[in-house]
């Protein structure tokens, strides 16, 4: 497995551990969903509900697939298994990515503006300079917008252990 994939997974684990307990549980995903939905003030209620549902599904998939000792908690070691068999998570990651993309495109023009992107990514917990480096890697237009489809594909790529040098690696680097 590529070191980039390990770094990406470790970062996502730390961010999803919203309560800082060192393990993932259902409460982490509820808290994260509330944060992200709150950051999407201009989005439709249906999109907010879809995003909250995607966070719930993400947790349910993790618990079902990775909670080896069935204690209702997922450790970093258990979570890291998602990089070893990403096919078990493809549908869940796709649903999450599409829900986040829809949340970031309240006017349904297929584009996300940098401020909206930054708000959502900040709500997840990514660092500002890394967020902007990622946005820039997506090749924004002169109007400082990127295609939602590009972002959705970037999220999916983030979870692929064989990929390196992807746009999402900018979220991991200490300096953008």
Protein backbone atom coordinates (compact mmCIF):
# COMPACT_ATOMS: atom_id res chain seq x y z
CA UNK A 1 0.00 0.00 0.00
CA UNK A 2 1.28 3.45 -0.89
CA UNK A 3 2.41 5.71 1.93
CA UNK A 4 0.19 8.47 0.53
CA UNK A 5 -2.87 6.27 1.07
CA UNK A 6 -1.84 5.55 4.66
CA UNK A 7 -1.43 9.27 5.34
CA UNK A 8 -4.82 10.03 3.78
CA UNK A 9 -6.54 7.37 5.89
CA UNK A 10 -4.86 8.52 9.10
CA UNK A 11 -5.94 12.11 8.44
CA UNK A 12 -9.54 11.15 7.74
CA UNK A 13 -9.59 9.02 10.88
CA UNK A 14 -8.41 11.97 12.99
CA UNK A 15 -11.00 14.27 11.40
CA UNK A 16 -13.85 11.78 11.77
CA UNK A 17 -12.91 11.31 15.42
CA UNK A 18 -14.92 14.45 16.05
CA UNK A 19 -15.11 13.99 19.81
CA UNK A 20 -11.37 13.28 20.11
CA UNK A 21 -11.75 9.92 21.86
CA UNK A 22 -9.14 8.16 19.72
CA UNK A 23 -11.78 5.82 18.30
CA UNK A 24 -14.69 6.27 15.93
CA UNK A 25 -18.25 5.78 17.10
CA UNK A 26 -21.71 6.73 15.89
CA UNK A 27 -21.61 9.99 17.86
CA UNK A 28 -18.59 11.16 15.86
CA UNK A 29 -20.56 10.86 12.64
CA UNK A 30 -23.61 12.58 14.11
CA UNK A 31 -21.41 15.47 15.28
CA UNK A 32 -19.61 15.70 11.95
CA UNK A 33 -22.90 15.65 10.06
CA UNK A 34 -24.23 18.53 12.18
CA UNK A 35 -21.08 20.56 11.55
CA UNK A 36 -21.12 20.04 7.79
CA UNK A 37 -24.85 20.65 7.44
CA UNK A 38 -24.58 23.83 9.53
CA UNK A 39 -21.85 25.10 7.18
CA UNK A 40 -24.17 24.68 4.20
CA UNK A 41 -26.57 27.48 5.08
CA UNK A 42 -27.55 28.09 1.43
CA UNK A 43 -28.34 24.47 0.64
CA UNK A 44 -31.77 22.88 0.39
CA UNK A 45 -33.09 20.88 3.33
CA UNK A 46 -33.24 17.77 1.14
CA UNK A 47 -29.51 18.10 0.42
CA UNK A 48 -28.78 18.59 4.11
CA UNK A 49 -30.78 15.49 4.96
CA UNK A 50 -28.99 13.56 2.22
CA UNK A 51 -25.63 14.59 3.70
CA UNK A 52 -26.67 13.58 7.21
CA UNK A 53 -27.87 10.26 5.79
CA UNK A 54 -24.54 9.75 4.00
CA UNK A 55 -22.69 10.26 7.29
CA UNK A 56 -24.99 7.72 8.98
CA UNK A 57 -24.44 5.23 6.15
CA UNK A 58 -20.69 5.81 6.34
CA UNK A 59 -20.73 4.91 10.04
CA UNK A 60 -23.01 1.91 9.53
CA UNK A 61 -20.69 0.58 6.83
CA UNK A 62 -17.62 1.08 8.97
CA UNK A 63 -19.23 -0.61 11.94
CA UNK A 64 -20.48 -3.55 9.88
CA UNK A 65 -17.28 -4.04 7.91
CA UNK A 66 -14.51 -3.02 10.32
CA UNK A 67 -15.62 -3.30 13.94
CA UNK A 68 -13.86 -6.63 14.38
CA UNK A 69 -14.53 -6.96 18.09
CA UNK A 70 -18.13 -5.64 17.80
CA UNK A 71 -17.71 -3.08 20.59
CA UNK A 72 -19.40 -0.25 18.65
CA UNK A 73 -16.05 1.45 18.18
CA UNK A 74 -13.63 1.52 15.26
CA UNK A 75 -9.96 1.94 16.09
CA UNK A 76 -7.37 3.39 13.74
CA UNK A 77 -6.11 -0.13 13.12
CA UNK A 78 -9.60 -1.32 12.20
CA UNK A 79 -10.23 1.80 10.10
CA UNK A 80 -6.99 1.31 8.19
CA UNK A 81 -8.43 -1.89 6.77
CA UNK A 82 -10.55 0.22 4.44
CA UNK A 83 -7.38 0.98 2.49
CA UNK A 84 -6.68 -2.72 2.12
CA UNK A 85 -10.06 -3.51 0.57
CA UNK A 86 -11.57 -0.29 -0.79
CA UNK A 87 -14.11 -2.23 -2.85
CA UNK A 88 -16.00 -2.85 0.40
CA UNK A 89 -16.48 0.91 0.71
CA UNK A 90 -16.84 2.11 -2.88
CA UNK A 91 -20.64 2.50 -2.76
CA UNK A 92 -20.55 4.25 0.62
CA UNK A 93 -17.76 6.61 -0.44
CA UNK A 94 -19.59 7.36 -3.71
CA UNK A 95 -22.79 8.17 -1.82
CA UNK A 96 -20.87 10.39 0.61
CA UNK A 97 -19.02 12.17 -2.22
CA UNK A 98 -22.18 12.81 -4.22
CA UNK A 99 -24.06 14.09 -1.16
CA UNK A 100 -21.22 16.45 -0.30
CA UNK A 101 -21.04 17.62 -3.91
CA UNK A 102 -24.79 18.34 -3.96
CA UNK A 103 -24.51 20.21 -0.67
CA UNK A 104 -21.83 22.42 -2.20
CA UNK A 105 -23.91 23.23 -5.27
CA UNK A 106 -27.11 24.81 -3.95
CA UNK A 107 -27.86 26.54 -7.26
CA UNK A 108 -27.46 23.27 -9.19
CA UNK A 109 -25.21 24.75 -11.86
CA UNK A 110 -22.65 21.95 -11.54
CA UNK A 111 -20.04 24.31 -10.09
CA UNK A 112 -18.82 25.00 -6.59
CA UNK A 113 -17.43 28.36 -5.60
CA UNK A 114 -14.28 28.56 -3.49
CA UNK A 115 -15.98 30.09 -0.40
CA UNK A 116 -18.62 27.34 -0.28
CA UNK A 117 -15.97 24.66 -0.83
CA UNK A 118 -13.81 26.15 1.93
CA UNK A 119 -16.75 26.31 4.37
CA UNK A 120 -17.65 22.67 3.87
CA UNK A 121 -14.08 21.42 4.00
CA UNK A 122 -13.40 23.53 7.10
CA UNK A 123 -16.48 22.02 8.76
CA UNK A 124 -14.98 18.58 8.17
CA UNK A 125 -11.80 19.83 9.80
CA UNK A 126 -9.27 20.29 7.02
CA UNK A 127 -6.72 23.10 7.37
CA UNK A 128 -7.33 26.29 5.39
CA UNK A 129 -4.11 26.29 3.39
CA UNK A 130 -4.66 22.64 2.44
CA UNK A 131 -8.24 23.33 1.41
CA UNK A 132 -7.14 26.10 -0.94
CA UNK A 133 -4.29 23.99 -2.32
CA UNK A 134 -6.82 21.25 -3.12
CA UNK A 135 -9.21 23.69 -4.74
CA UNK A 136 -6.36 25.05 -6.87
CA UNK A 137 -5.37 21.50 -7.85
CA UNK A 138 -8.87 21.01 -9.23
CA UNK A 139 -8.20 23.77 -11.79
CA UNK A 140 -10.67 26.51 -10.95
CA UNK A 141 -12.16 28.69 -13.65
CA UNK A 142 -11.51 32.42 -13.92
CA UNK A 143 -14.66 32.85 -11.80
CA UNK A 144 -12.93 30.74 -9.07
CA UNK A 145 -15.24 27.76 -9.43
CA UNK A 146 -14.58 24.05 -9.95
CA UNK A 147 -16.86 21.43 -11.38
CA UNK A 148 -18.74 19.49 -8.73
CA UNK A 149 -18.03 16.32 -10.71
CA UNK A 150 -14.30 17.00 -10.38
CA UNK A 151 -14.64 17.31 -6.61
CA UNK A 152 -16.75 14.15 -6.36
CA UNK A 153 -14.13 12.19 -8.32
CA UNK A 154 -11.41 13.69 -6.13
CA UNK A 155 -13.17 12.40 -3.01
CA UNK A 156 -13.43 8.92 -4.52
CA UNK A 157 -9.74 9.00 -5.51
CA UNK A 158 -8.80 9.93 -1.94
CA UNK A 159 -9.88 6.47 -0.77
CA UNK A 160 -7.98 4.51 -3.43
CA UNK A 161 -4.83 2.95 -1.95
CA UNK A 162 -3.06 2.54 -5.26
CA UNK A 163 -3.25 6.24 -6.12
CA UNK A 164 -0.46 8.72 -5.50
CA UNK A 165 0.08 12.26 -6.63
CA UNK A 166 -3.65 12.93 -6.59
CA UNK A 167 -5.25 16.27 -5.79
CA UNK A 168 -6.37 14.95 -2.38
CA UNK A 169 -2.76 14.49 -1.27
CA UNK A 170 -2.72 18.25 -0.79
CA UNK A 171 -4.98 17.77 2.21
CA UNK A 172 -2.35 15.69 3.97
CA UNK A 173 0.79 17.70 3.39
CA UNK A 174 1.84 19.89 6.30
CA UNK A 175 2.18 22.88 4.03
CA UNK A 176 0.07 23.37 0.96
